[in-house]
Amino acid sequence: MNPTAATILVALILAVIVGLIIWSMIRRKKQGKNLSCAFGSDCSSCGASCPYGRKKTDTTETKT
């Protein structure tokens, strides 16, 4: 196998892998799942290190 054919083969394999990754990301986005936490549907598996797993707290002061 000459070097050009090997380079083309490797490029095609990488293109397929990148295409599958993008397809998977689009599919997860359409399903409404979080793209940052790919291990589950929520951030419990990643230790809630992403902002999507944290609950927002009200930082406004209430005046009485």
PDB file of N, CA and C in Angstrom:
ATOM      1  N   MET A   1       0.858  -1.171   0.000  1.00  0.00           N
ATOM      2  CA  MET A   1       0.000   0.000   0.000  1.00  0.00           C
ATOM      3  C   MET A   1       0.909   1.241   0.000  1.00  0.00           C
ATOM      4  N   ASN A   2       0.656   2.120  -0.929  1.00  0.00           N
ATOM      5  CA  ASN A   2       1.491   3.320  -0.996  1.00  0.00           C
ATOM      6  C   ASN A   2       1.069   4.339   0.073  1.00  0.00           C
ATOM      7  N   PRO A   3       1.930   5.285   0.388  1.00  0.00           N
ATOM      8  CA  PRO A   3       1.644   6.244   1.460  1.00  0.00           C
ATOM      9  C   PRO A   3       0.411   7.111   1.203  1.00  0.00           C
ATOM     10  N   THR A   4       0.135   7.410  -0.042  1.00  0.00           N
ATOM     11  CA  THR A   4      -1.041   8.230  -0.353  1.00  0.00           C
ATOM     12  C   THR A   4      -2.328   7.491  -0.021  1.00  0.00           C
ATOM     13  N   ALA A   5      -2.396   6.234  -0.373  1.00  0.00           N
ATOM     14  CA  ALA A   5      -3.587   5.439  -0.088  1.00  0.00           C
ATOM     15  C   ALA A   5      -3.775   5.279   1.415  1.00  0.00           C
ATOM     16  N   ALA A   6      -2.698   5.103   2.144  1.00  0.00           N
ATOM     17  CA  ALA A   6      -2.791   4.973   3.596  1.00  0.00           C
ATOM     18  C   ALA A   6      -3.281   6.274   4.232  1.00  0.00           C
ATOM     19  N   THR A   7      -2.804   7.395   3.712  1.00  0.00           N
ATOM     20  CA  THR A   7      -3.230   8.691   4.234  1.00  0.00           C
ATOM     21  C   THR A   7      -4.718   8.907   3.974  1.00  0.00           C
ATOM     22  N   ILE A   8      -5.162   8.556   2.780  1.00  0.00           N
ATOM     23  CA  ILE A   8      -6.584   8.697   2.452  1.00  0.00           C
ATOM     24  C   ILE A   8      -7.433   7.782   3.324  1.00  0.00           C
ATOM     25  N   LEU A   9      -6.978   6.566   3.558  1.00  0.00           N
ATOM     26  CA  LEU A   9      -7.709   5.626   4.401  1.00  0.00           C
ATOM     27  C   LEU A   9      -7.841   6.152   5.829  1.00  0.00           C
ATOM     28  N   VAL A  10      -6.763   6.655   6.388  1.00  0.00           N
ATOM     29  CA  VAL A  10      -6.796   7.204   7.746  1.00  0.00           C
ATOM     30  C   VAL A  10      -7.712   8.424   7.793  1.00  0.00           C
ATOM     31  N   ALA A  11      -7.665   9.276   6.787  1.00  0.00           N
ATOM     32  CA  ALA A  11      -8.527  10.460   6.739  1.00  0.00           C
ATOM     33  C   ALA A  11     -10.002  10.067   6.678  1.00  0.00           C
ATOM     34  N   LEU A  12     -10.313   9.048   5.902  1.00  0.00           N
ATOM     35  CA  LEU A  12     -11.699   8.583   5.816  1.00  0.00           C
ATOM     36  C   LEU A  12     -12.188   8.016   7.145  1.00  0.00           C
ATOM     37  N   ILE A  13     -11.341   7.248   7.807  1.00  0.00           N
ATOM     38  CA  ILE A  13     -11.711   6.684   9.108  1.00  0.00           C
ATOM     39  C   ILE A  13     -11.953   7.793  10.122  1.00  0.00           C
ATOM     40  N   LEU A  14     -11.075   8.789  10.140  1.00  0.00           N
ATOM     41  CA  LEU A  14     -11.265   9.911  11.064  1.00  0.00           C
ATOM     42  C   LEU A  14     -12.523  10.707  10.733  1.00  0.00           C
ATOM     43  N   ALA A  15     -12.822  10.893   9.455  1.00  0.00           N
ATOM     44  CA  ALA A  15     -14.029  11.607   9.050  1.00  0.00           C
ATOM     45  C   ALA A  15     -15.281  10.870   9.512  1.00  0.00           C
ATOM     46  N   VAL A  16     -15.266   9.541   9.417  1.00  0.00           N
ATOM     47  CA  VAL A  16     -16.413   8.749   9.882  1.00  0.00           C
ATOM     48  C   VAL A  16     -16.576   8.887  11.393  1.00  0.00           C
ATOM     49  N   ILE A  17     -15.490   8.840  12.132  1.00  0.00           N
ATOM     50  CA  ILE A  17     -15.554   8.964  13.588  1.00  0.00           C
ATOM     51  C   ILE A  17     -16.093  10.335  13.988  1.00  0.00           C
ATOM     52  N   VAL A  18     -15.581  11.391  13.371  1.00  0.00           N
ATOM     53  CA  VAL A  18     -16.049  12.746  13.679  1.00  0.00           C
ATOM     54  C   VAL A  18     -17.525  12.887  13.299  1.00  0.00           C
ATOM     55  N   GLY A  19     -17.912  12.330  12.167  1.00  0.00           N
ATOM     56  CA  GLY A  19     -19.319  12.368  11.754  1.00  0.00           C
ATOM     57  C   GLY A  19     -20.236  11.683  12.749  1.00  0.00           C
ATOM     58  N   LEU A  20     -19.804  10.542  13.265  1.00  0.00           N
ATOM     59  CA  LEU A  20     -20.608   9.827  14.264  1.00  0.00           C
ATOM     60  C   LEU A  20     -20.726  10.621  15.559  1.00  0.00           C
ATOM     61  N   ILE A  21     -19.670  11.291  15.949  1.00  0.00           N
ATOM     62  CA  ILE A  21     -19.708  12.113  17.163  1.00  0.00           C
ATOM     63  C   ILE A  21     -20.691  13.262  16.984  1.00  0.00           C
ATOM     64  N   ILE A  22     -20.623  13.934  15.840  1.00  0.00           N
ATOM     65  CA  ILE A  22     -21.533  15.051  15.581  1.00  0.00           C
ATOM     66  C   ILE A  22     -22.973  14.562  15.503  1.00  0.00           C
ATOM     67  N   TRP A  23     -23.196  13.441  14.835  1.00  0.00           N
ATOM     68  CA  TRP A  23     -24.541  12.864  14.745  1.00  0.00           C
ATOM     69  C   TRP A  23     -25.090  12.549  16.130  1.00  0.00           C
ATOM     70  N   SER A  24     -24.245  11.988  16.996  1.00  0.00           N
ATOM     71  CA  SER A  24     -24.669  11.665  18.354  1.00  0.00           C
ATOM     72  C   SER A  24     -25.016  12.926  19.141  1.00  0.00           C
ATOM     73  N   MET A  25     -24.226  13.978  18.979  1.00  0.00           N
ATOM     74  CA  MET A  25     -24.502  15.234  19.684  1.00  0.00           C
ATOM     75  C   MET A  25     -25.814  15.851  19.218  1.00  0.00           C
ATOM     76  N   ILE A  26     -26.069  15.816  17.919  1.00  0.00           N
ATOM     77  CA  ILE A  26     -27.330  16.353  17.390  1.00  0.00           C
ATOM     78  C   ILE A  26     -28.512  15.549  17.903  1.00  0.00           C
ATOM     79  N   ARG A  27     -28.367  14.226  17.912  1.00  0.00           N
ATOM     80  CA  ARG A  27     -29.443  13.360  18.406  1.00  0.00           C
ATOM     81  C   ARG A  27     -29.750  13.634  19.871  1.00  0.00           C
ATOM     82  N   ARG A  28     -28.701  13.788  20.707  1.00  0.00           N
ATOM     83  CA  ARG A  28     -28.905  14.072  22.129  1.00  0.00           C
ATOM     84  C   ARG A  28     -29.548  15.435  22.329  1.00  0.00           C
ATOM     85  N   LYS A  29     -29.176  16.406  21.515  1.00  0.00           N
ATOM     86  CA  LYS A  29     -29.748  17.751  21.615  1.00  0.00           C
ATOM     87  C   LYS A  29     -31.226  17.723  21.264  1.00  0.00           C
ATOM     88  N   LYS A  30     -31.595  16.971  20.227  1.00  0.00           N
ATOM     89  CA  LYS A  30     -32.999  16.866  19.838  1.00  0.00           C
ATOM     90  C   LYS A  30     -33.824  16.152  20.903  1.00  0.00           C
ATOM     91  N   GLN A  31     -33.214  15.241  21.644  1.00  0.00           N
ATOM     92  CA  GLN A  31     -33.905  14.524  22.709  1.00  0.00           C
ATOM     93  C   GLN A  31     -34.009  15.359  23.977  1.00  0.00           C
ATOM     94  N   GLY A  32     -33.371  16.527  23.978  1.00  0.00           N
ATOM     95  CA  GLY A  32     -33.417  17.407  25.133  1.00  0.00           C
ATOM     96  C   GLY A  32     -32.441  17.044  26.219  1.00  0.00           C
ATOM     97  N   LYS A  33     -31.487  16.212  25.900  1.00  0.00           N
ATOM     98  CA  LYS A  33     -30.494  15.814  26.899  1.00  0.00           C
ATOM     99  C   LYS A  33     -29.341  16.803  26.901  1.00  0.00           C
ATOM    100  N   ASN A  34     -28.650  16.848  28.007  1.00  0.00           N
ATOM    101  CA  ASN A  34     -27.533  17.760  28.171  1.00  0.00           C
ATOM    102  C   ASN A  34     -26.326  17.237  27.419  1.00  0.00           C
ATOM    103  N   LEU A  35     -25.668  18.102  26.663  1.00  0.00           N
ATOM    104  CA  LEU A  35     -24.488  17.686  25.912  1.00  0.00           C
ATOM    105  C   LEU A  35     -23.238  17.644  26.773  1.00  0.00           C
ATOM    106  N   SER A  36     -23.217  18.409  27.852  1.00  0.00           N
ATOM    107  CA  SER A  36     -22.023  18.464  28.691  1.00  0.00           C
ATOM    108  C   SER A  36     -21.849  17.200  29.518  1.00  0.00           C
ATOM    109  N   CYS A  37     -22.922  16.663  30.009  1.00  0.00           N
ATOM    110  CA  CYS A  37     -22.859  15.458  30.842  1.00  0.00           C
ATOM    111  C   CYS A  37     -23.294  14.270  29.995  1.00  0.00           C
ATOM    112  N   ALA A  38     -22.364  13.677  29.316  1.00  0.00           N
ATOM    113  CA  ALA A  38     -22.675  12.609  28.373  1.00  0.00           C
ATOM    114  C   ALA A  38     -22.854  11.248  29.046  1.00  0.00           C
ATOM    115  N   PHE A  39     -22.608  11.152  30.352  1.00  0.00           N
ATOM    116  CA  PHE A  39     -22.678   9.852  31.016  1.00  0.00           C
ATOM    117  C   PHE A  39     -24.084   9.506  31.483  1.00  0.00           C
ATOM    118  N   GLY A  40     -24.963  10.436  31.474  1.00  0.00           N
ATOM    119  CA  GLY A  40     -26.323  10.179  31.912  1.00  0.00           C
ATOM    120  C   GLY A  40     -27.214  11.327  31.519  1.00  0.00           C
ATOM    121  N   SER A  41     -28.450  11.255  31.948  1.00  0.00           N
ATOM    122  CA  SER A  41     -29.378  12.315  31.572  1.00  0.00           C
ATOM    123  C   SER A  41     -29.259  13.522  32.493  1.00  0.00           C
ATOM    124  N   ASP A  42     -28.546  13.388  33.581  1.00  0.00           N
ATOM    125  CA  ASP A  42     -28.332  14.526  34.465  1.00  0.00           C
ATOM    126  C   ASP A  42     -26.862  14.548  34.877  1.00  0.00           C
ATOM    127  N   CYS A  43     -26.511  15.451  35.745  1.00  0.00           N
ATOM    128  CA  CYS A  43     -25.103  15.618  36.123  1.00  0.00           C
ATOM    129  C   CYS A  43     -24.719  14.814  37.367  1.00  0.00           C
ATOM    130  N   SER A  44     -25.543  13.891  37.777  1.00  0.00           N
ATOM    131  CA  SER A  44     -25.221  13.138  38.986  1.00  0.00           C
ATOM    132  C   SER A  44     -23.984  12.268  38.792  1.00  0.00           C
ATOM    133  N   SER A  45     -23.751  11.812  37.567  1.00  0.00           N
ATOM    134  CA  SER A  45     -22.599  10.948  37.329  1.00  0.00           C
ATOM    135  C   SER A  45     -21.293  11.720  37.216  1.00  0.00           C
ATOM    136  N   CYS A  46     -21.374  13.025  36.952  1.00  0.00           N
ATOM    137  CA  CYS A  46     -20.136  13.787  36.834  1.00  0.00           C
ATOM    138  C   CYS A  46     -19.901  14.641  38.077  1.00  0.00           C
ATOM    139  N   GLY A  47     -20.586  14.367  39.142  1.00  0.00           N
ATOM    140  CA  GLY A  47     -20.374  15.088  40.391  1.00  0.00           C
ATOM    141  C   GLY A  47     -20.940  16.496  40.374  1.00  0.00           C
ATOM    142  N   ALA A  48     -21.867  16.760  39.455  1.00  0.00           N
ATOM    143  CA  ALA A  48     -22.494  18.076  39.325  1.00  0.00           C
ATOM    144  C   ALA A  48     -21.446  19.162  39.125  1.00  0.00           C
ATOM    145  N   SER A  49     -20.375  18.825  38.419  1.00  0.00           N
ATOM    146  CA  SER A  49     -19.332  19.816  38.166  1.00  0.00           C
ATOM    147  C   SER A  49     -19.730  20.782  37.062  1.00  0.00           C
ATOM    148  N   CYS A  50     -20.726  20.420  36.288  1.00  0.00           N
ATOM    149  CA  CYS A  50     -21.195  21.342  35.258  1.00  0.00           C
ATOM    150  C   CYS A  50     -22.323  22.201  35.826  1.00  0.00           C
ATOM    151  N   PRO A  51     -22.555  23.355  35.246  1.00  0.00           N
ATOM    152  CA  PRO A  51     -23.550  24.259  35.810  1.00  0.00           C
ATOM    153  C   PRO A  51     -24.973  23.757  35.688  1.00  0.00           C
ATOM    154  N   TYR A  52     -25.239  22.740  34.856  1.00  0.00           N
ATOM    155  CA  TYR A  52     -26.589  22.259  34.656  1.00  0.00           C
ATOM    156  C   TYR A  52     -27.089  21.429  35.835  1.00  0.00           C
ATOM    157  N   GLY A  53     -26.189  20.899  36.633  1.00  0.00           N
ATOM    158  CA  GLY A  53     -26.590  20.065  37.755  1.00  0.00           C
ATOM    159  C   GLY A  53     -26.812  20.843  39.028  1.00  0.00           C
ATOM    160  N   ARG A  54     -26.480  22.100  38.995  1.00  0.00           N
ATOM    161  CA  ARG A  54     -26.620  22.920  40.194  1.00  0.00           C
ATOM    162  C   ARG A  54     -27.929  23.670  40.164  1.00  0.00           C
ATOM    163  N   LYS A  55     -28.546  23.775  41.300  1.00  0.00           N
ATOM    164  CA  LYS A  55     -29.754  24.561  41.405  1.00  0.00           C
ATOM    165  C   LYS A  55     -29.369  26.018  41.603  1.00  0.00           C
ATOM    166  N   LYS A  56     -30.092  26.879  40.928  1.00  0.00           N
ATOM    167  CA  LYS A  56     -29.816  28.294  41.082  1.00  0.00           C
ATOM    168  C   LYS A  56     -30.398  28.777  42.399  1.00  0.00           C
ATOM    169  N   THR A  57     -29.639  29.570  43.090  1.00  0.00           N
ATOM    170  CA  THR A  57     -30.123  30.147  44.334  1.00  0.00           C
ATOM    171  C   THR A  57     -30.481  31.591  44.091  1.00  0.00           C
ATOM    172  N   ASP A  58     -31.456  32.050  44.808  1.00  0.00           N
ATOM    173  CA  ASP A  58     -31.897  33.428  44.655  1.00  0.00           C
ATOM    174  C   ASP A  58     -30.928  34.314  45.395  1.00  0.00           C
ATOM    175  N   THR A  59     -30.235  35.164  44.648  1.00  0.00           N
ATOM    176  CA  THR A  59     -29.226  36.030  45.267  1.00  0.00           C
ATOM    177  C   THR A  59     -29.748  37.427  45.537  1.00  0.00           C
ATOM    178  N   THR A  60     -30.991  37.678  45.185  1.00  0.00           N
ATOM    179  CA  THR A  60     -31.555  38.994  45.432  1.00  0.00           C
ATOM    180  C   THR A  60     -31.952  39.108  46.888  1.00  0.00           C
ATOM    181  N   GLU A  61     -31.741  40.280  47.427  1.00  0.00           N
ATOM    182  CA  GLU A  61     -32.113  40.510  48.817  1.00  0.00           C
ATOM    183  C   GLU A  61     -33.579  40.901  48.893  1.00  0.00           C
ATOM    184  N   THR A  62     -34.250  40.373  49.873  1.00  0.00           N
ATOM    185  CA  THR A  62     -35.646  40.764  50.079  1.00  0.00           C
ATOM    186  C   THR A  62     -35.713  41.896  51.076  1.00  0.00           C
ATOM    187  N   LYS A  63     -36.490  42.900  50.723  1.00  0.00           N
ATOM    188  CA  LYS A  63     -36.625  44.060  51.610  1.00  0.00           C
ATOM    189  C   LYS A  63     -37.904  43.914  52.407  1.00  0.00           C
ATOM    190  N   THR A  64     -37.797  44.103  53.706  1.00  0.00           N
ATOM    191  CA  THR A  64     -38.961  44.010  54.563  1.00  0.00           C
ATOM    192  C   THR A  64     -39.296  45.324  55.181  1.00  0.00           C
TER     193      THR A  64
END
